[in-house]
C-alpha atoms as a PDB file:
ATOM      1  CA  MET A   1       3.866 -31.829 -13.709  1.00  0.00           C
ATOM      2  CA  LEU A   2       6.980 -32.225 -15.875  1.00  0.00           C
ATOM      3  CA  ALA A   3       5.442 -34.948 -18.032  1.00  0.00           C
ATOM      4  CA  TRP A   4       2.284 -32.877 -18.522  1.00  0.00           C
ATOM      5  CA  LEU A   5       4.287 -29.802 -19.531  1.00  0.00           C
ATOM      6  CA  LEU A   6       6.445 -31.756 -21.975  1.00  0.00           C
ATOM      7  CA  GLU A   7       3.314 -32.964 -23.752  1.00  0.00           C
ATOM      8  CA  ALA A   8       1.460 -29.631 -23.584  1.00  0.00           C
ATOM      9  CA  LEU A   9       4.404 -27.548 -24.793  1.00  0.00           C
ATOM     10  CA  GLN A  10       5.567 -29.728 -27.702  1.00  0.00           C
ATOM     11  CA  PRO A  11       7.907 -29.275 -29.515  1.00  0.00           C
ATOM     12  CA  MET A  12       9.681 -27.364 -26.715  1.00  0.00           C
ATOM     13  CA  ASN A  13      12.686 -29.366 -25.509  1.00  0.00           C
ATOM     14  CA  ARG A  14      13.052 -30.851 -22.033  1.00  0.00           C
ATOM     15  CA  THR A  15      15.766 -28.397 -20.926  1.00  0.00           C
ATOM     16  CA  ARG A  16      13.632 -25.381 -21.782  1.00  0.00           C
ATOM     17  CA  VAL A  17      10.607 -26.823 -19.974  1.00  0.00           C
ATOM     18  CA  LYS A  18      12.709 -27.408 -16.854  1.00  0.00           C
ATOM     19  CA  GLN A  19      13.875 -23.786 -17.052  1.00  0.00           C
ATOM     20  CA  LEU A  20      10.264 -22.617 -17.003  1.00  0.00           C
ATOM     21  CA  LEU A  21       9.731 -24.495 -13.749  1.00  0.00           C
ATOM     22  CA  ARG A  22      13.017 -23.436 -12.159  1.00  0.00           C
ATOM     23  CA  ARG A  23      12.351 -19.754 -12.877  1.00  0.00           C
ATOM     24  CA  GLY A  24       8.863 -19.869 -11.362  1.00  0.00           C
ATOM     25  CA  GLN A  25       7.114 -19.267 -14.700  1.00  0.00           C
ATOM     26  CA  VAL A  26       4.588 -22.067 -14.112  1.00  0.00           C
ATOM     27  CA  SER A  27       1.681 -21.541 -11.714  1.00  0.00           C
ATOM     28  CA  VAL A  28      -1.156 -23.861 -10.717  1.00  0.00           C
ATOM     29  CA  ASN A  29      -4.429 -22.284  -9.558  1.00  0.00           C
ATOM     30  CA  GLY A  30      -2.668 -18.958  -9.051  1.00  0.00           C
ATOM     31  CA  THR A  31       0.337 -20.291  -7.111  1.00  0.00           C
ATOM     32  CA  ALA A  32       3.779 -20.622  -8.680  1.00  0.00           C
ATOM     33  CA  THR A  33       5.504 -23.986  -8.427  1.00  0.00           C
ATOM     34  CA  THR A  34       9.036 -25.130  -9.226  1.00  0.00           C
ATOM     35  CA  ARG A  35       8.449 -28.818  -8.474  1.00  0.00           C
ATOM     36  CA  HIS A  36       8.897 -31.287 -11.332  1.00  0.00           C
ATOM     37  CA  ASP A  37       6.819 -33.849  -9.393  1.00  0.00           C
ATOM     38  CA  TYR A  38       3.890 -31.541  -8.607  1.00  0.00           C
ATOM     39  CA  ARG A  39       0.735 -33.647  -8.939  1.00  0.00           C
ATOM     40  CA  LEU A  40      -1.929 -32.109 -11.144  1.00  0.00           C
ATOM     41  CA  CYS A  41      -5.599 -32.816 -10.501  1.00  0.00           C
ATOM     42  CA  PRO A  42      -8.588 -32.597 -12.867  1.00  0.00           C
ATOM     43  CA  GLY A  43      -9.750 -28.984 -13.079  1.00  0.00           C
ATOM     44  CA  ASP A  44      -6.385 -27.444 -12.108  1.00  0.00           C
ATOM     45  CA  ARG A  45      -5.610 -24.209 -13.953  1.00  0.00           C
ATOM     46  CA  VAL A  46      -2.014 -24.076 -15.213  1.00  0.00           C
ATOM     47  CA  VAL A  47      -0.571 -20.741 -16.355  1.00  0.00           C
ATOM     48  CA  ILE A  48       2.834 -20.258 -17.976  1.00  0.00           C
ATOM     49  CA  ALA A  49       4.307 -16.748 -17.768  1.00  0.00           C
ATOM     50  CA  HIS A  50       5.113 -15.132 -21.091  1.00  0.00           C
ATOM     51  CA  GLN A  51       8.639 -14.224 -22.125  1.00  0.00           C
ATOM     52  CA  GLY A  52       8.074 -10.507 -21.538  1.00  0.00           C
ATOM     53  CA  SER A  53       7.566 -11.038 -17.841  1.00  0.00           C
ATOM     54  CA  VAL A  54      10.784 -13.062 -17.699  1.00  0.00           C
ATOM     55  CA  SER A  55      12.755 -10.273 -19.371  1.00  0.00           C
ATOM     56  CA  ALA A  56      11.255  -7.798 -16.941  1.00  0.00           C
ATOM     57  CA  GLY A  57      12.282 -10.097 -14.106  1.00  0.00           C
ATOM     58  CA  ARG A  58      15.867 -10.031 -15.360  1.00  0.00           C
ATOM     59  CA  ASP A  59      15.732  -6.225 -15.395  1.00  0.00           C
ATOM     60  CA  LEU A  60      14.575  -6.322 -11.781  1.00  0.00           C
ATOM     61  CA  GLU A  61      17.517  -8.540 -10.861  1.00  0.00           C
ATOM     62  CA  LYS A  62      19.879  -6.043 -12.457  1.00  0.00           C
ATOM     63  CA  ALA A  63      18.396  -3.489 -10.060  1.00  0.00           C
ATOM     64  CA  GLY A  64      19.425  -5.723  -7.155  1.00  0.00           C
ATOM     65  CA  MET A  65      16.136  -7.528  -6.455  1.00  0.00           C
ATOM     66  CA  SER A  66      14.609 -10.802  -7.574  1.00  0.00           C
ATOM     67  CA  ILE A  67      11.109 -12.239  -7.459  1.00  0.00           C
ATOM     68  CA  VAL A  68      10.968 -15.519  -5.538  1.00  0.00           C
ATOM     69  CA  MET A  69       7.257 -16.162  -6.055  1.00  0.00           C
ATOM     70  CA  GLU A  70       4.475 -14.350  -7.905  1.00  0.00           C
ATOM     71  CA  ASP A  71       0.813 -15.030  -8.603  1.00  0.00           C
ATOM     72  CA  ASP A  72      -2.387 -12.993  -8.791  1.00  0.00           C
ATOM     73  CA  THR A  73      -2.540 -12.696  -4.987  1.00  0.00           C
ATOM     74  CA  LEU A  74       1.023 -12.390  -3.683  1.00  0.00           C
ATOM     75  CA  VAL A  75       4.507 -11.308  -4.698  1.00  0.00           C
ATOM     76  CA  VAL A  76       7.538 -12.325  -2.655  1.00  0.00           C
ATOM     77  CA  ILE A  77      10.874 -10.692  -3.418  1.00  0.00           C
ATOM     78  CA  ASP A  78      14.445 -11.213  -2.249  1.00  0.00           C
ATOM     79  CA  LYS A  79      15.572  -7.795  -1.015  1.00  0.00           C
ATOM     80  CA  PRO A  80      19.256  -6.852  -1.014  1.00  0.00           C
ATOM     81  CA  PRO A  81      20.851  -5.140   1.999  1.00  0.00           C
ATOM     82  CA  GLY A  82      20.968  -1.346   1.902  1.00  0.00           C
ATOM     83  CA  LEU A  83      17.520  -0.916   0.362  1.00  0.00           C
ATOM     84  CA  LEU A  84      14.544   0.474   2.273  1.00  0.00           C
ATOM     85  CA  THR A  85      11.221  -1.341   2.097  1.00  0.00           C
ATOM     86  CA  VAL A  86       9.196   1.895   1.761  1.00  0.00           C
ATOM     87  CA  ALA A  87       9.911   5.602   1.563  1.00  0.00           C
ATOM     88  CA  THR A  88      11.085   7.706   4.497  1.00  0.00           C
ATOM     89  CA  GLU A  89      11.716  11.430   4.919  1.00  0.00           C
ATOM     90  CA  SER A  90      15.322  10.968   3.778  1.00  0.00           C
ATOM     91  CA  GLU A  91      14.688   8.484   0.955  1.00  0.00           C
ATOM     92  CA  ARG A  92      11.504   8.829  -1.062  1.00  0.00           C
ATOM     93  CA  THR A  93      12.320   7.290  -4.433  1.00  0.00           C
ATOM     94  CA  ASP A  94      14.582   4.216  -4.389  1.00  0.00           C
ATOM     95  CA  THR A  95      12.849   1.589  -2.274  1.00  0.00           C
ATOM     96  CA  ALA A  96      11.890  -2.067  -2.658  1.00  0.00           C
ATOM     97  CA  PHE A  97       8.270  -0.998  -3.051  1.00  0.00           C
ATOM     98  CA  ALA A  98       9.118   1.540  -5.757  1.00  0.00           C
ATOM     99  CA  ARG A  99      11.231  -0.939  -7.726  1.00  0.00           C
ATOM    100  CA  LEU A 100       8.578  -3.644  -7.560  1.00  0.00           C
ATOM    101  CA  LYS A 101       5.794  -1.213  -8.446  1.00  0.00           C
ATOM    102  CA  ALA A 102       7.688  -0.025 -11.534  1.00  0.00           C
ATOM    103  CA  HIS A 103       8.389  -3.633 -12.546  1.00  0.00           C
ATOM    104  CA  LEU A 104       4.728  -4.683 -12.271  1.00  0.00           C
ATOM    105  CA  MET A 105       3.322  -1.602 -13.974  1.00  0.00           C
ATOM    106  CA  ALA A 106       5.780  -2.005 -16.855  1.00  0.00           C
ATOM    107  CA  ARG A 107       4.085  -5.357 -17.424  1.00  0.00           C
ATOM    108  CA  GLY A 108       0.638  -3.775 -17.359  1.00  0.00           C
ATOM    109  CA  LEU A 109      -0.153  -5.027 -13.861  1.00  0.00           C
ATOM    110  CA  SER A 110      -1.486  -3.159 -10.840  1.00  0.00           C
ATOM    111  CA  ARG A 111       0.659  -1.788  -8.008  1.00  0.00           C
ATOM    112  CA  PRO A 112       1.688  -3.975  -5.041  1.00  0.00           C
ATOM    113  CA  PHE A 113       0.703  -3.451  -1.399  1.00  0.00           C
ATOM    114  CA  VAL A 114       3.208  -3.589   1.466  1.00  0.00           C
ATOM    115  CA  VAL A 115       2.442  -6.360   3.972  1.00  0.00           C
ATOM    116  CA  HIS A 116       5.473  -6.036   6.269  1.00  0.00           C
ATOM    117  CA  ARG A 117       8.927  -4.445   6.324  1.00  0.00           C
ATOM    118  CA  LEU A 118      12.574  -5.351   6.665  1.00  0.00           C
ATOM    119  CA  ASP A 119      15.219  -3.010   8.050  1.00  0.00           C
ATOM    120  CA  ARG A 120      17.263  -1.252   5.371  1.00  0.00           C
ATOM    121  CA  GLU A 121      20.386  -3.333   6.086  1.00  0.00           C
ATOM    122  CA  THR A 122      18.551  -6.665   6.407  1.00  0.00           C
ATOM    123  CA  SER A 123      18.347  -8.815   3.272  1.00  0.00           C
ATOM    124  CA  GLY A 124      15.916 -11.541   2.353  1.00  0.00           C
ATOM    125  CA  LEU A 125      12.282 -12.405   1.794  1.00  0.00           C
ATOM    126  CA  LEU A 126       9.785  -9.552   1.678  1.00  0.00           C
ATOM    127  CA  LEU A 127       6.073 -10.165   1.140  1.00  0.00           C
ATOM    128  CA  PHE A 128       3.727  -7.939  -0.889  1.00  0.00           C
ATOM    129  CA  SER A 129       0.069  -8.464  -1.775  1.00  0.00           C
ATOM    130  CA  ARG A 130      -1.713  -7.702  -5.032  1.00  0.00           C
ATOM    131  CA  SER A 131      -4.707  -6.050  -3.306  1.00  0.00           C
ATOM    132  CA  ALA A 132      -5.537  -4.012  -0.218  1.00  0.00           C
ATOM    133  CA  ALA A 133      -7.963  -6.701   0.945  1.00  0.00           C
ATOM    134  CA  VAL A 134      -5.293  -9.408   0.945  1.00  0.00           C
ATOM    135  CA  ARG A 135      -2.854  -7.051   2.684  1.00  0.00           C
ATOM    136  CA  ASP A 136      -5.381  -6.373   5.430  1.00  0.00           C
ATOM    137  CA  HIS A 137      -6.114 -10.091   5.820  1.00  0.00           C
ATOM    138  CA  LEU A 138      -2.429 -10.977   6.136  1.00  0.00           C
ATOM    139  CA  GLN A 139      -1.693  -8.188   8.584  1.00  0.00           C
ATOM    140  CA  ALA A 140      -4.691  -9.130  10.736  1.00  0.00           C
ATOM    141  CA  ASN A 141      -3.413 -12.730  10.868  1.00  0.00           C
ATOM    142  CA  TRP A 142       0.310 -11.973  10.894  1.00  0.00           C
ATOM    143  CA  GLY A 143       0.849 -14.131  13.963  1.00  0.00           C
ATOM    144  CA  ALA A 144       0.043 -17.194  11.859  1.00  0.00           C
ATOM    145  CA  VAL A 145       2.926 -16.434   9.473  1.00  0.00           C
ATOM    146  CA  THR A 146       6.233 -18.092  10.391  1.00  0.00           C
ATOM    147  CA  LYS A 147       9.219 -15.780   9.882  1.00  0.00           C
ATOM    148  CA  THR A 148      12.684 -17.336  10.121  1.00  0.00           C
ATOM    149  CA  TYR A 149      15.878 -15.294  10.013  1.00  0.00           C
ATOM    150  CA  PHE A 150      19.535 -16.217   9.956  1.00  0.00           C
ATOM    151  CA  ALA A 151      21.952 -14.070  11.929  1.00  0.00           C
ATOM    152  CA  VAL A 152      25.749 -14.129  11.890  1.00  0.00           C
ATOM    153  CA  VAL A 153      26.817 -12.900  15.326  1.00  0.00           C
ATOM    154  CA  GLU A 154      29.930 -12.281  17.366  1.00  0.00           C
ATOM    155  CA  GLY A 155      30.601 -14.947  19.975  1.00  0.00           C
ATOM    156  CA  MET A 156      28.189 -17.701  20.965  1.00  0.00           C
ATOM    157  CA  PRO A 157      25.161 -17.733  23.296  1.00  0.00           C
ATOM    158  CA  ARG A 158      25.641 -19.531  26.605  1.00  0.00           C
ATOM    159  CA  GLU A 159      22.755 -21.843  25.718  1.00  0.00           C
ATOM    160  CA  ALA A 160      22.629 -23.513  22.276  1.00  0.00           C
ATOM    161  CA  GLU A 161      18.966 -22.618  21.951  1.00  0.00           C
ATOM    162  CA  GLY A 162      16.439 -20.618  23.871  1.00  0.00           C
ATOM    163  CA  LEU A 163      13.700 -18.006  24.020  1.00  0.00           C
ATOM    164  CA  VAL A 164      14.248 -14.311  24.714  1.00  0.00           C
ATOM    165  CA  GLU A 165      11.116 -12.547  25.905  1.00  0.00           C
ATOM    166  CA  ASN A 166      10.906  -9.028  27.334  1.00  0.00           C
ATOM    167  CA  TYR A 167       9.565  -5.536  26.676  1.00  0.00           C
ATOM    168  CA  LEU A 168      11.040  -3.150  24.121  1.00  0.00           C
ATOM    169  CA  LEU A 169      10.669   0.608  23.802  1.00  0.00           C
ATOM    170  CA  GLU A 170      11.943   2.939  21.070  1.00  0.00           C
ATOM    171  CA  GLY A 171      13.575   6.103  22.416  1.00  0.00           C
ATOM    172  CA  ARG A 172      13.679   9.574  20.955  1.00  0.00           C
ATOM    173  CA  ASP A 173      17.081   8.734  19.487  1.00  0.00           C
ATOM    174  CA  LEU A 174      15.320   5.938  17.491  1.00  0.00           C
ATOM    175  CA  ARG A 175      17.253   3.229  19.341  1.00  0.00           C
ATOM    176  CA  VAL A 176      15.251   0.355  20.817  1.00  0.00           C
ATOM    177  CA  ARG A 177      15.943  -0.704  24.406  1.00  0.00           C
ATOM    178  CA  VAL A 178      14.814  -3.385  26.834  1.00  0.00           C
ATOM    179  CA  VAL A 179      12.567  -1.910  29.531  1.00  0.00           C
ATOM    180  CA  PRO A 180      10.587  -3.352  32.481  1.00  0.00           C
ATOM    181  CA  GLY A 181       7.294  -2.463  30.804  1.00  0.00           C
ATOM    182  CA  GLY A 182       5.115   0.592  31.070  1.00  0.00           C
ATOM    183  CA  VAL A 183       3.589   3.075  28.652  1.00  0.00           C
ATOM    184  CA  GLY A 184       4.594   2.460  25.055  1.00  0.00           C
ATOM    185  CA  ALA A 185       6.548  -0.716  25.802  1.00  0.00           C
ATOM    186  CA  LYS A 186       5.801  -3.744  23.606  1.00  0.00           C
ATOM    187  CA  LEU A 187       6.264  -7.398  24.461  1.00  0.00           C
ATOM    188  CA  ALA A 188       8.784  -9.086  22.148  1.00  0.00           C
ATOM    189  CA  ALA A 189       9.611 -12.795  21.804  1.00  0.00           C
ATOM    190  CA  THR A 190      12.527 -14.259  19.868  1.00  0.00           C
ATOM    191  CA  ARG A 191      13.495 -17.929  19.676  1.00  0.00           C
ATOM    192  CA  TYR A 192      17.042 -18.796  18.573  1.00  0.00           C
ATOM    193  CA  ARG A 193      19.138 -21.884  17.841  1.00  0.00           C
ATOM    194  CA  VAL A 194      22.844 -22.288  17.085  1.00  0.00           C
ATOM    195  CA  MET A 195      23.367 -23.635  13.565  1.00  0.00           C
ATOM    196  CA  ALA A 196      27.142 -23.379  13.057  1.00  0.00           C
ATOM    197  CA  THR A 197      30.279 -21.776  14.445  1.00  0.00           C
ATOM    198  CA  HIS A 198      33.546 -20.645  12.880  1.00  0.00           C
ATOM    199  CA  GLY A 199      36.189 -18.989  15.003  1.00  0.00           C
ATOM    200  CA  ARG A 200      34.668 -16.026  16.785  1.00  0.00           C
ATOM    201  CA  TYR A 201      31.457 -16.066  14.745  1.00  0.00           C
ATOM    202  CA  THR A 202      28.228 -18.056  15.058  1.00  0.00           C
ATOM    203  CA  LEU A 203      25.285 -18.625  12.723  1.00  0.00           C
ATOM    204  CA  LEU A 204      21.933 -18.518  14.515  1.00  0.00           C
ATOM    205  CA  GLN A 205      18.499 -19.492  13.260  1.00  0.00           C
ATOM    206  CA  VAL A 206      16.000 -17.031  14.673  1.00  0.00           C
ATOM    207  CA  VAL A 207      12.210 -17.410  14.652  1.00  0.00           C
ATOM    208  CA  LEU A 208      10.109 -14.379  15.544  1.00  0.00           C
ATOM    209  CA  GLY A 209       7.200 -14.687  17.926  1.00  0.00           C
ATOM    210  CA  THR A 210       6.516 -10.969  17.490  1.00  0.00           C
ATOM    211  CA  GLY A 211       7.635  -8.411  14.940  1.00  0.00           C
ATOM    212  CA  ARG A 212       8.985  -5.398  16.817  1.00  0.00           C
ATOM    213  CA  LYS A 213      11.384  -2.859  15.371  1.00  0.00           C
ATOM    214  CA  HIS A 214      15.035  -4.005  15.695  1.00  0.00           C
ATOM    215  CA  GLN A 215      13.827  -6.905  17.844  1.00  0.00           C
ATOM    216  CA  ILE A 216      16.377  -9.496  16.725  1.00  0.00           C
ATOM    217  CA  ARG A 217      19.279  -7.067  16.936  1.00  0.00           C
ATOM    218  CA  VAL A 218      18.386  -5.957  20.461  1.00  0.00           C
ATOM    219  CA  HIS A 219      17.691  -9.458  21.744  1.00  0.00           C
ATOM    220  CA  LEU A 220      20.894 -10.966  20.359  1.00  0.00           C
ATOM    221  CA  THR A 221      22.950  -8.113  21.785  1.00  0.00           C
ATOM    222  CA  GLY A 222      21.277  -8.887  25.110  1.00  0.00           C
ATOM    223  CA  LEU A 223      22.657 -12.429  24.827  1.00  0.00           C
ATOM    224  CA  GLY A 224      26.133 -10.974  24.435  1.00  0.00           C
ATOM    225  CA  CYS A 225      26.151 -11.827  20.722  1.00  0.00           C
ATOM    226  CA  PRO A 226      25.575  -8.700  18.613  1.00  0.00           C
ATOM    227  CA  VAL A 227      24.894  -9.161  14.904  1.00  0.00           C
ATOM    228  CA  ILE A 228      28.051  -8.491  12.889  1.00  0.00           C
ATOM    229  CA  GLY A 229      28.145  -5.057  11.308  1.00  0.00           C
ATOM    230  CA  ASP A 230      25.581  -3.699  13.780  1.00  0.00           C
ATOM    231  CA  LEU A 231      27.344  -0.635  15.145  1.00  0.00           C
ATOM    232  CA  VAL A 232      24.092   0.698  16.609  1.00  0.00           C
ATOM    233  CA  TYR A 233      23.692  -2.270  18.949  1.00  0.00           C
ATOM    234  CA  GLY A 234      27.257  -3.042  19.945  1.00  0.00           C
ATOM    235  CA  SER A 235      29.014  -4.988  17.192  1.00  0.00           C
ATOM    236  CA  ALA A 236      32.795  -4.591  17.234  1.00  0.00           C
ATOM    237  CA  SER A 237      33.390  -6.093  13.783  1.00  0.00           C
ATOM    238  CA  ASN A 238      32.087  -5.953  10.238  1.00  0.00           C
ATOM    239  CA  PRO A 239      33.715  -8.861   8.377  1.00  0.00           C
ATOM    240  CA  ALA A 240      31.002  -9.059   5.699  1.00  0.00           C
ATOM    241  CA  GLY A 241      30.789  -5.331   4.989  1.00  0.00           C
ATOM    242  CA  ARG A 242      27.087  -5.429   5.859  1.00  0.00           C
ATOM    243  CA  LEU A 243      24.648  -6.285   8.643  1.00  0.00           C
ATOM    244  CA  GLY A 244      24.713 -10.032   9.270  1.00  0.00           C
ATOM    245  CA  LEU A 245      20.934 -10.512   9.262  1.00  0.00           C
ATOM    246  CA  HIS A 246      18.964 -12.314   6.549  1.00  0.00           C
ATOM    247  CA  ALA A 247      15.237 -13.122   6.315  1.00  0.00           C
ATOM    248  CA  GLY A 248      15.710 -16.643   5.014  1.00  0.00           C
ATOM    249  CA  ARG A 249      12.309 -18.339   5.257  1.00  0.00           C
ATOM    250  CA  ILE A 250       8.643 -17.441   5.345  1.00  0.00           C
ATOM    251  CA  ALA A 251       5.726 -19.850   5.639  1.00  0.00           C
ATOM    252  CA  LEU A 252       2.008 -19.102   5.483  1.00  0.00           C
ATOM    253  CA  ASN A 253      -1.307 -20.399   4.246  1.00  0.00           C
ATOM    254  CA  HIS A 254      -1.987 -18.896   0.845  1.00  0.00           C
ATOM    255  CA  PRO A 255      -4.822 -16.348   1.313  1.00  0.00           C
ATOM    256  CA  LYS A 256      -6.654 -17.603  -1.775  1.00  0.00           C
ATOM    257  CA  THR A 257      -5.927 -21.318  -2.165  1.00  0.00           C
ATOM    258  CA  ARG A 258      -5.321 -22.013   1.569  1.00  0.00           C
ATOM    259  CA  GLN A 259      -2.433 -24.287   0.549  1.00  0.00           C
ATOM    260  CA  ARG A 260       0.695 -24.088   2.694  1.00  0.00           C
ATOM    261  CA  LEU A 261       3.297 -21.848   1.084  1.00  0.00           C
ATOM    262  CA  GLU A 262       6.917 -22.201   2.230  1.00  0.00           C
ATOM    263  CA  LEU A 263       9.584 -20.050   0.609  1.00  0.00           C
ATOM    264  CA  GLU A 264      13.333 -19.834   1.183  1.00  0.00           C
ATOM    265  CA  SER A 265      16.207 -17.534   0.328  1.00  0.00           C
ATOM    266  CA  PRO A 266      19.717 -18.964   0.787  1.00  0.00           C
ATOM    267  CA  LEU A 267      22.216 -17.249   3.059  1.00  0.00           C
ATOM    268  CA  PRO A 268      24.063 -14.661   0.921  1.00  0.00           C
ATOM    269  CA  ALA A 269      27.638 -15.487  -0.078  1.00  0.00           C
ATOM    270  CA  THR A 270      29.009 -12.468   1.812  1.00  0.00           C
ATOM    271  CA  LEU A 271      27.698 -13.981   5.054  1.00  0.00           C
ATOM    272  CA  ARG A 272      28.639 -17.569   4.207  1.00  0.00           C
ATOM    273  CA  ARG A 273      32.255 -16.517   3.739  1.00  0.00           C
ATOM    274  CA  VAL A 274      32.413 -15.262   7.322  1.00  0.00           C
ATOM    275  CA  LEU A 275      31.528 -18.761   8.473  1.00  0.00           C
ATOM    276  CA  GLY A 276      34.321 -20.380   6.476  1.00  0.00           C
END
């Protein structure tokens, strides 16, 4: 890929070409790539984003969000903590959806479609589609999408890894609780693994088997290890000044190309500092 770009974009210098790749401005057959060693095949369609879209991307970052991946089918953003995914009764204007919609429309592109949600205080990867049809396809096959979170918690689970599986039910007070089952209860499965420890805090990798509201927070509290900063579900400390939950990885088959798409967002510095 790099050699092809250097020849195609002459006289652009090598540093500038590498920047195009690093910033996700190069896409092949509708899918962005940052790999210098990406192997091109005859018939591949390579598109290089224009400078205007890059400037708009910088404006989006100033607003607290960044685009991790974008093509004509999907947009994946890195959402900051404290920002809703979509509007609620109390907050109708400043949401991740609204910011992304304004960013795309300013570039003359169509509005995005919400595929899934993150809690307001959870940061990390958030997936949008570029059409209602793709949204519906992804939601209908959501079980095939691998969602990996990283949680900084108080204490350490008794077992270094394991599976938590039970039924959850949201009460009238909007809190989610573990219940034996029954009307309205939903089965929830969460797999966790200890990644690191520092003093009284532990970093867990968490993979969702289901996507229930507040699932990770409830399940980790049930292990005796509430997520830091989670006053709703029993945390006694807030060393990062935020909820210690980050959607760090998402993997899926691209709806259009069927190629495997694996995206990552590094653990935010505020959470890394808690772990020394």
